[in-house]
N, C-alpha and C. Protein backbone atom coordinates (compact mmCIF):
# COMPACT_ATOMS: atom_id res chain seq x y z
N MET A 1 23.89 -115.98 -104.32
CA MET A 1 22.56 -115.53 -104.00
C MET A 1 22.19 -115.98 -102.59
N ILE A 2 21.60 -115.09 -101.83
CA ILE A 2 21.23 -115.36 -100.44
C ILE A 2 19.89 -116.09 -100.43
N PRO A 3 19.79 -117.21 -99.72
CA PRO A 3 18.50 -117.90 -99.67
C PRO A 3 17.47 -117.07 -98.90
N ALA A 4 16.26 -117.07 -99.39
CA ALA A 4 15.19 -116.29 -98.77
C ALA A 4 14.58 -117.09 -97.62
N THR A 5 14.40 -116.44 -96.51
CA THR A 5 13.70 -117.04 -95.38
C THR A 5 12.57 -116.10 -94.99
N SER A 6 11.53 -116.67 -94.45
CA SER A 6 10.40 -115.85 -94.02
C SER A 6 10.20 -116.04 -92.53
N THR A 7 9.76 -114.97 -91.89
CA THR A 7 9.50 -114.98 -90.46
C THR A 7 8.07 -114.53 -90.24
N LEU A 8 7.35 -115.27 -89.45
CA LEU A 8 5.99 -114.89 -89.10
C LEU A 8 6.07 -114.03 -87.84
N ALA A 9 5.76 -112.76 -88.00
CA ALA A 9 5.84 -111.82 -86.88
C ALA A 9 4.44 -111.45 -86.43
N HIS A 10 4.32 -111.13 -85.17
CA HIS A 10 3.03 -110.71 -84.62
C HIS A 10 2.70 -109.31 -85.16
N PRO A 11 1.46 -109.10 -85.63
CA PRO A 11 1.11 -107.79 -86.16
C PRO A 11 1.27 -106.66 -85.16
N ARG A 12 1.14 -106.97 -83.87
CA ARG A 12 1.32 -105.95 -82.84
C ARG A 12 2.73 -105.36 -82.91
N ASP A 13 3.73 -106.22 -83.18
CA ASP A 13 5.10 -105.74 -83.25
C ASP A 13 5.33 -104.87 -84.48
N ILE A 14 4.72 -105.23 -85.59
CA ILE A 14 4.88 -104.45 -86.81
C ILE A 14 4.13 -103.14 -86.71
N LYS A 15 2.94 -103.19 -86.12
CA LYS A 15 2.13 -101.98 -86.00
C LYS A 15 2.78 -100.94 -85.08
N ALA A 16 3.59 -101.40 -84.14
CA ALA A 16 4.23 -100.49 -83.20
C ALA A 16 5.30 -99.63 -83.86
N ILE A 17 5.79 -100.03 -85.03
CA ILE A 17 6.81 -99.26 -85.74
C ILE A 17 6.13 -98.08 -86.41
N GLN A 18 6.62 -96.88 -86.12
CA GLN A 18 6.01 -95.67 -86.65
C GLN A 18 6.48 -95.40 -88.07
N SER A 19 5.57 -95.52 -89.01
CA SER A 19 5.87 -95.22 -90.41
C SER A 19 4.63 -95.50 -91.23
N LYS A 20 4.68 -95.10 -92.50
CA LYS A 20 3.61 -95.50 -93.41
C LYS A 20 3.81 -96.97 -93.72
N LYS A 21 2.75 -97.74 -93.61
CA LYS A 21 2.89 -99.18 -93.69
C LYS A 21 2.86 -99.73 -95.13
N MET A 22 2.57 -98.91 -96.11
CA MET A 22 2.35 -99.44 -97.44
C MET A 22 3.44 -99.07 -98.46
N ASP A 23 4.45 -98.40 -98.05
CA ASP A 23 5.43 -98.00 -99.05
C ASP A 23 6.63 -98.96 -99.11
N LYS A 24 7.42 -98.84 -100.15
CA LYS A 24 8.56 -99.74 -100.36
C LYS A 24 9.65 -99.52 -99.33
N LYS A 25 9.82 -98.28 -98.88
CA LYS A 25 10.84 -98.00 -97.87
C LYS A 25 10.53 -98.74 -96.57
N PHE A 26 9.26 -98.78 -96.23
CA PHE A 26 8.88 -99.48 -95.00
C PHE A 26 9.12 -100.98 -95.14
N ALA A 27 8.84 -101.53 -96.31
CA ALA A 27 9.09 -102.95 -96.54
C ALA A 27 10.58 -103.25 -96.40
N LYS A 28 11.42 -102.38 -96.94
CA LYS A 28 12.87 -102.57 -96.81
C LYS A 28 13.30 -102.41 -95.35
N TRP A 29 12.70 -101.47 -94.65
CA TRP A 29 13.02 -101.25 -93.24
C TRP A 29 12.66 -102.49 -92.41
N ILE A 30 11.51 -103.07 -92.66
CA ILE A 30 11.10 -104.29 -91.96
C ILE A 30 12.06 -105.44 -92.29
N ALA A 31 12.45 -105.54 -93.57
CA ALA A 31 13.40 -106.58 -93.97
C ALA A 31 14.73 -106.42 -93.25
N ASP A 32 15.20 -105.18 -93.13
CA ASP A 32 16.46 -104.93 -92.43
C ASP A 32 16.34 -105.27 -90.94
N LEU A 33 15.23 -104.87 -90.32
CA LEU A 33 15.04 -105.20 -88.91
C LEU A 33 15.01 -106.70 -88.70
N SER A 34 14.36 -107.39 -89.61
CA SER A 34 14.29 -108.85 -89.52
C SER A 34 15.66 -109.49 -89.73
N LYS A 35 16.42 -108.92 -90.65
CA LYS A 35 17.75 -109.46 -90.95
C LYS A 35 18.67 -109.39 -89.73
N TYR A 36 18.53 -108.32 -88.96
CA TYR A 36 19.38 -108.15 -87.78
C TYR A 36 18.76 -108.73 -86.52
N GLY A 37 17.62 -109.39 -86.67
CA GLY A 37 17.00 -110.07 -85.53
C GLY A 37 16.27 -109.15 -84.57
N LEU A 38 15.83 -107.99 -85.04
CA LEU A 38 15.15 -107.05 -84.16
C LEU A 38 13.63 -107.23 -84.15
N ILE A 39 13.13 -108.10 -85.01
CA ILE A 39 11.71 -108.45 -84.99
C ILE A 39 11.61 -109.91 -84.58
N ALA A 40 10.96 -110.13 -83.48
CA ALA A 40 10.85 -111.50 -82.96
C ALA A 40 9.83 -112.28 -83.77
N GLY A 41 10.20 -113.46 -84.15
CA GLY A 41 9.27 -114.32 -84.87
C GLY A 41 8.32 -115.01 -83.91
N SER A 42 7.13 -115.30 -84.40
CA SER A 42 6.15 -116.02 -83.60
C SER A 42 6.53 -117.50 -83.53
N PHE A 43 6.13 -118.14 -82.45
CA PHE A 43 6.42 -119.55 -82.28
C PHE A 43 5.40 -120.37 -83.06
N ILE A 44 5.86 -121.22 -83.94
CA ILE A 44 5.01 -122.16 -84.66
C ILE A 44 5.47 -123.55 -84.26
N PRO A 45 4.61 -124.29 -83.57
CA PRO A 45 5.03 -125.61 -83.09
C PRO A 45 5.24 -126.57 -84.26
N PRO A 46 6.03 -127.60 -84.04
CA PRO A 46 6.21 -128.62 -85.07
C PRO A 46 4.87 -129.29 -85.42
N LEU A 47 4.82 -129.92 -86.57
CA LEU A 47 3.59 -130.52 -87.07
C LEU A 47 3.03 -131.56 -86.10
N VAL A 48 3.90 -132.32 -85.47
CA VAL A 48 3.44 -133.35 -84.52
C VAL A 48 2.72 -132.71 -83.34
N ILE A 49 3.24 -131.61 -82.84
CA ILE A 49 2.62 -130.90 -81.72
C ILE A 49 1.29 -130.29 -82.16
N GLN A 50 1.23 -129.75 -83.38
CA GLN A 50 -0.03 -129.20 -83.89
C GLN A 50 -1.10 -130.28 -83.99
N GLN A 51 -0.70 -131.45 -84.49
CA GLN A 51 -1.66 -132.55 -84.61
C GLN A 51 -2.13 -133.02 -83.24
N LEU A 52 -1.23 -133.08 -82.29
CA LEU A 52 -1.60 -133.47 -80.93
C LEU A 52 -2.57 -132.46 -80.32
N HIS A 53 -2.32 -131.19 -80.56
CA HIS A 53 -3.20 -130.14 -80.06
C HIS A 53 -4.59 -130.26 -80.69
N ASN A 54 -4.65 -130.51 -81.99
CA ASN A 54 -5.94 -130.67 -82.65
C ASN A 54 -6.68 -131.90 -82.14
N LEU A 55 -5.96 -132.97 -81.88
CA LEU A 55 -6.57 -134.18 -81.33
C LEU A 55 -7.12 -133.93 -79.93
N LYS A 56 -6.37 -133.20 -79.14
CA LYS A 56 -6.83 -132.86 -77.79
C LYS A 56 -8.08 -131.98 -77.85
N ARG A 57 -8.09 -131.03 -78.76
CA ARG A 57 -9.26 -130.16 -78.94
C ARG A 57 -10.48 -130.99 -79.37
N TYR A 58 -10.28 -131.92 -80.31
CA TYR A 58 -11.37 -132.78 -80.76
C TYR A 58 -11.87 -133.67 -79.62
N HIS A 59 -10.95 -134.21 -78.84
CA HIS A 59 -11.31 -135.07 -77.71
C HIS A 59 -12.12 -134.29 -76.68
N PHE A 60 -11.81 -133.02 -76.51
CA PHE A 60 -12.54 -132.18 -75.56
C PHE A 60 -13.95 -131.89 -76.07
N LYS A 61 -14.12 -131.68 -77.38
CA LYS A 61 -15.42 -131.34 -77.95
C LYS A 61 -16.30 -132.56 -78.20
N LEU A 62 -15.74 -133.74 -78.19
CA LEU A 62 -16.48 -134.95 -78.52
C LEU A 62 -17.72 -135.17 -77.65
N PRO A 63 -17.67 -135.00 -76.32
CA PRO A 63 -18.90 -135.18 -75.52
C PRO A 63 -20.01 -134.20 -75.93
N ASN A 64 -19.64 -132.98 -76.31
CA ASN A 64 -20.66 -132.02 -76.75
C ASN A 64 -21.29 -132.47 -78.06
N PHE A 65 -20.47 -133.00 -78.96
CA PHE A 65 -21.01 -133.52 -80.21
C PHE A 65 -21.98 -134.66 -79.94
N MET A 66 -21.60 -135.55 -79.03
CA MET A 66 -22.44 -136.71 -78.73
C MET A 66 -23.75 -136.27 -78.09
N SER A 67 -23.71 -135.32 -77.18
CA SER A 67 -24.95 -134.89 -76.53
C SER A 67 -25.85 -134.14 -77.50
N SER A 68 -25.29 -133.36 -78.41
CA SER A 68 -26.14 -132.66 -79.37
C SER A 68 -26.79 -133.64 -80.34
N GLU A 69 -26.04 -134.67 -80.75
CA GLU A 69 -26.64 -135.70 -81.61
C GLU A 69 -27.71 -136.47 -80.87
N ASN A 70 -27.48 -136.74 -79.61
CA ASN A 70 -28.48 -137.44 -78.80
C ASN A 70 -29.74 -136.60 -78.66
N ASP A 71 -29.59 -135.31 -78.41
CA ASP A 71 -30.74 -134.41 -78.32
C ASP A 71 -31.50 -134.36 -79.63
N LEU A 72 -30.77 -134.30 -80.73
CA LEU A 72 -31.40 -134.27 -82.05
C LEU A 72 -32.18 -135.56 -82.29
N PHE A 73 -31.60 -136.69 -81.94
CA PHE A 73 -32.28 -137.98 -82.09
C PHE A 73 -33.55 -138.02 -81.25
N GLN A 74 -33.46 -137.57 -80.02
CA GLN A 74 -34.64 -137.58 -79.14
C GLN A 74 -35.72 -136.65 -79.66
N THR A 75 -35.33 -135.51 -80.23
CA THR A 75 -36.31 -134.58 -80.77
C THR A 75 -37.06 -135.22 -81.93
N TYR A 76 -36.36 -135.84 -82.85
CA TYR A 76 -37.01 -136.46 -84.00
C TYR A 76 -37.76 -137.74 -83.59
N ASN A 77 -37.29 -138.42 -82.58
CA ASN A 77 -37.95 -139.64 -82.12
C ASN A 77 -39.29 -139.29 -81.47
N LEU A 78 -39.36 -138.18 -80.73
CA LEU A 78 -40.60 -137.74 -80.10
C LEU A 78 -41.59 -137.21 -81.12
N ALA A 79 -41.06 -136.64 -82.22
CA ALA A 79 -41.94 -136.06 -83.24
C ALA A 79 -42.65 -137.15 -84.03
N MET A 80 -42.10 -138.35 -84.07
CA MET A 80 -42.70 -139.42 -84.87
C MET A 80 -43.78 -140.09 -84.13
């Protein structure tokens, strides 16, 4: 038995193939193209890189979070 592997492909590449997209023949055609390497898989970075990217994104947004909380505090402090 052949082990099953999955490839995450960009929808733009799949949409470019001319055919009805919902039939079984098309699914087999896509599987054959993937088997022969004619559909390029999308790049998915390793988990460590994903976590680093999320940390960088959080670090970038942190000053905005702090300023919005500060504004909220000042608004409620003035209301009292």
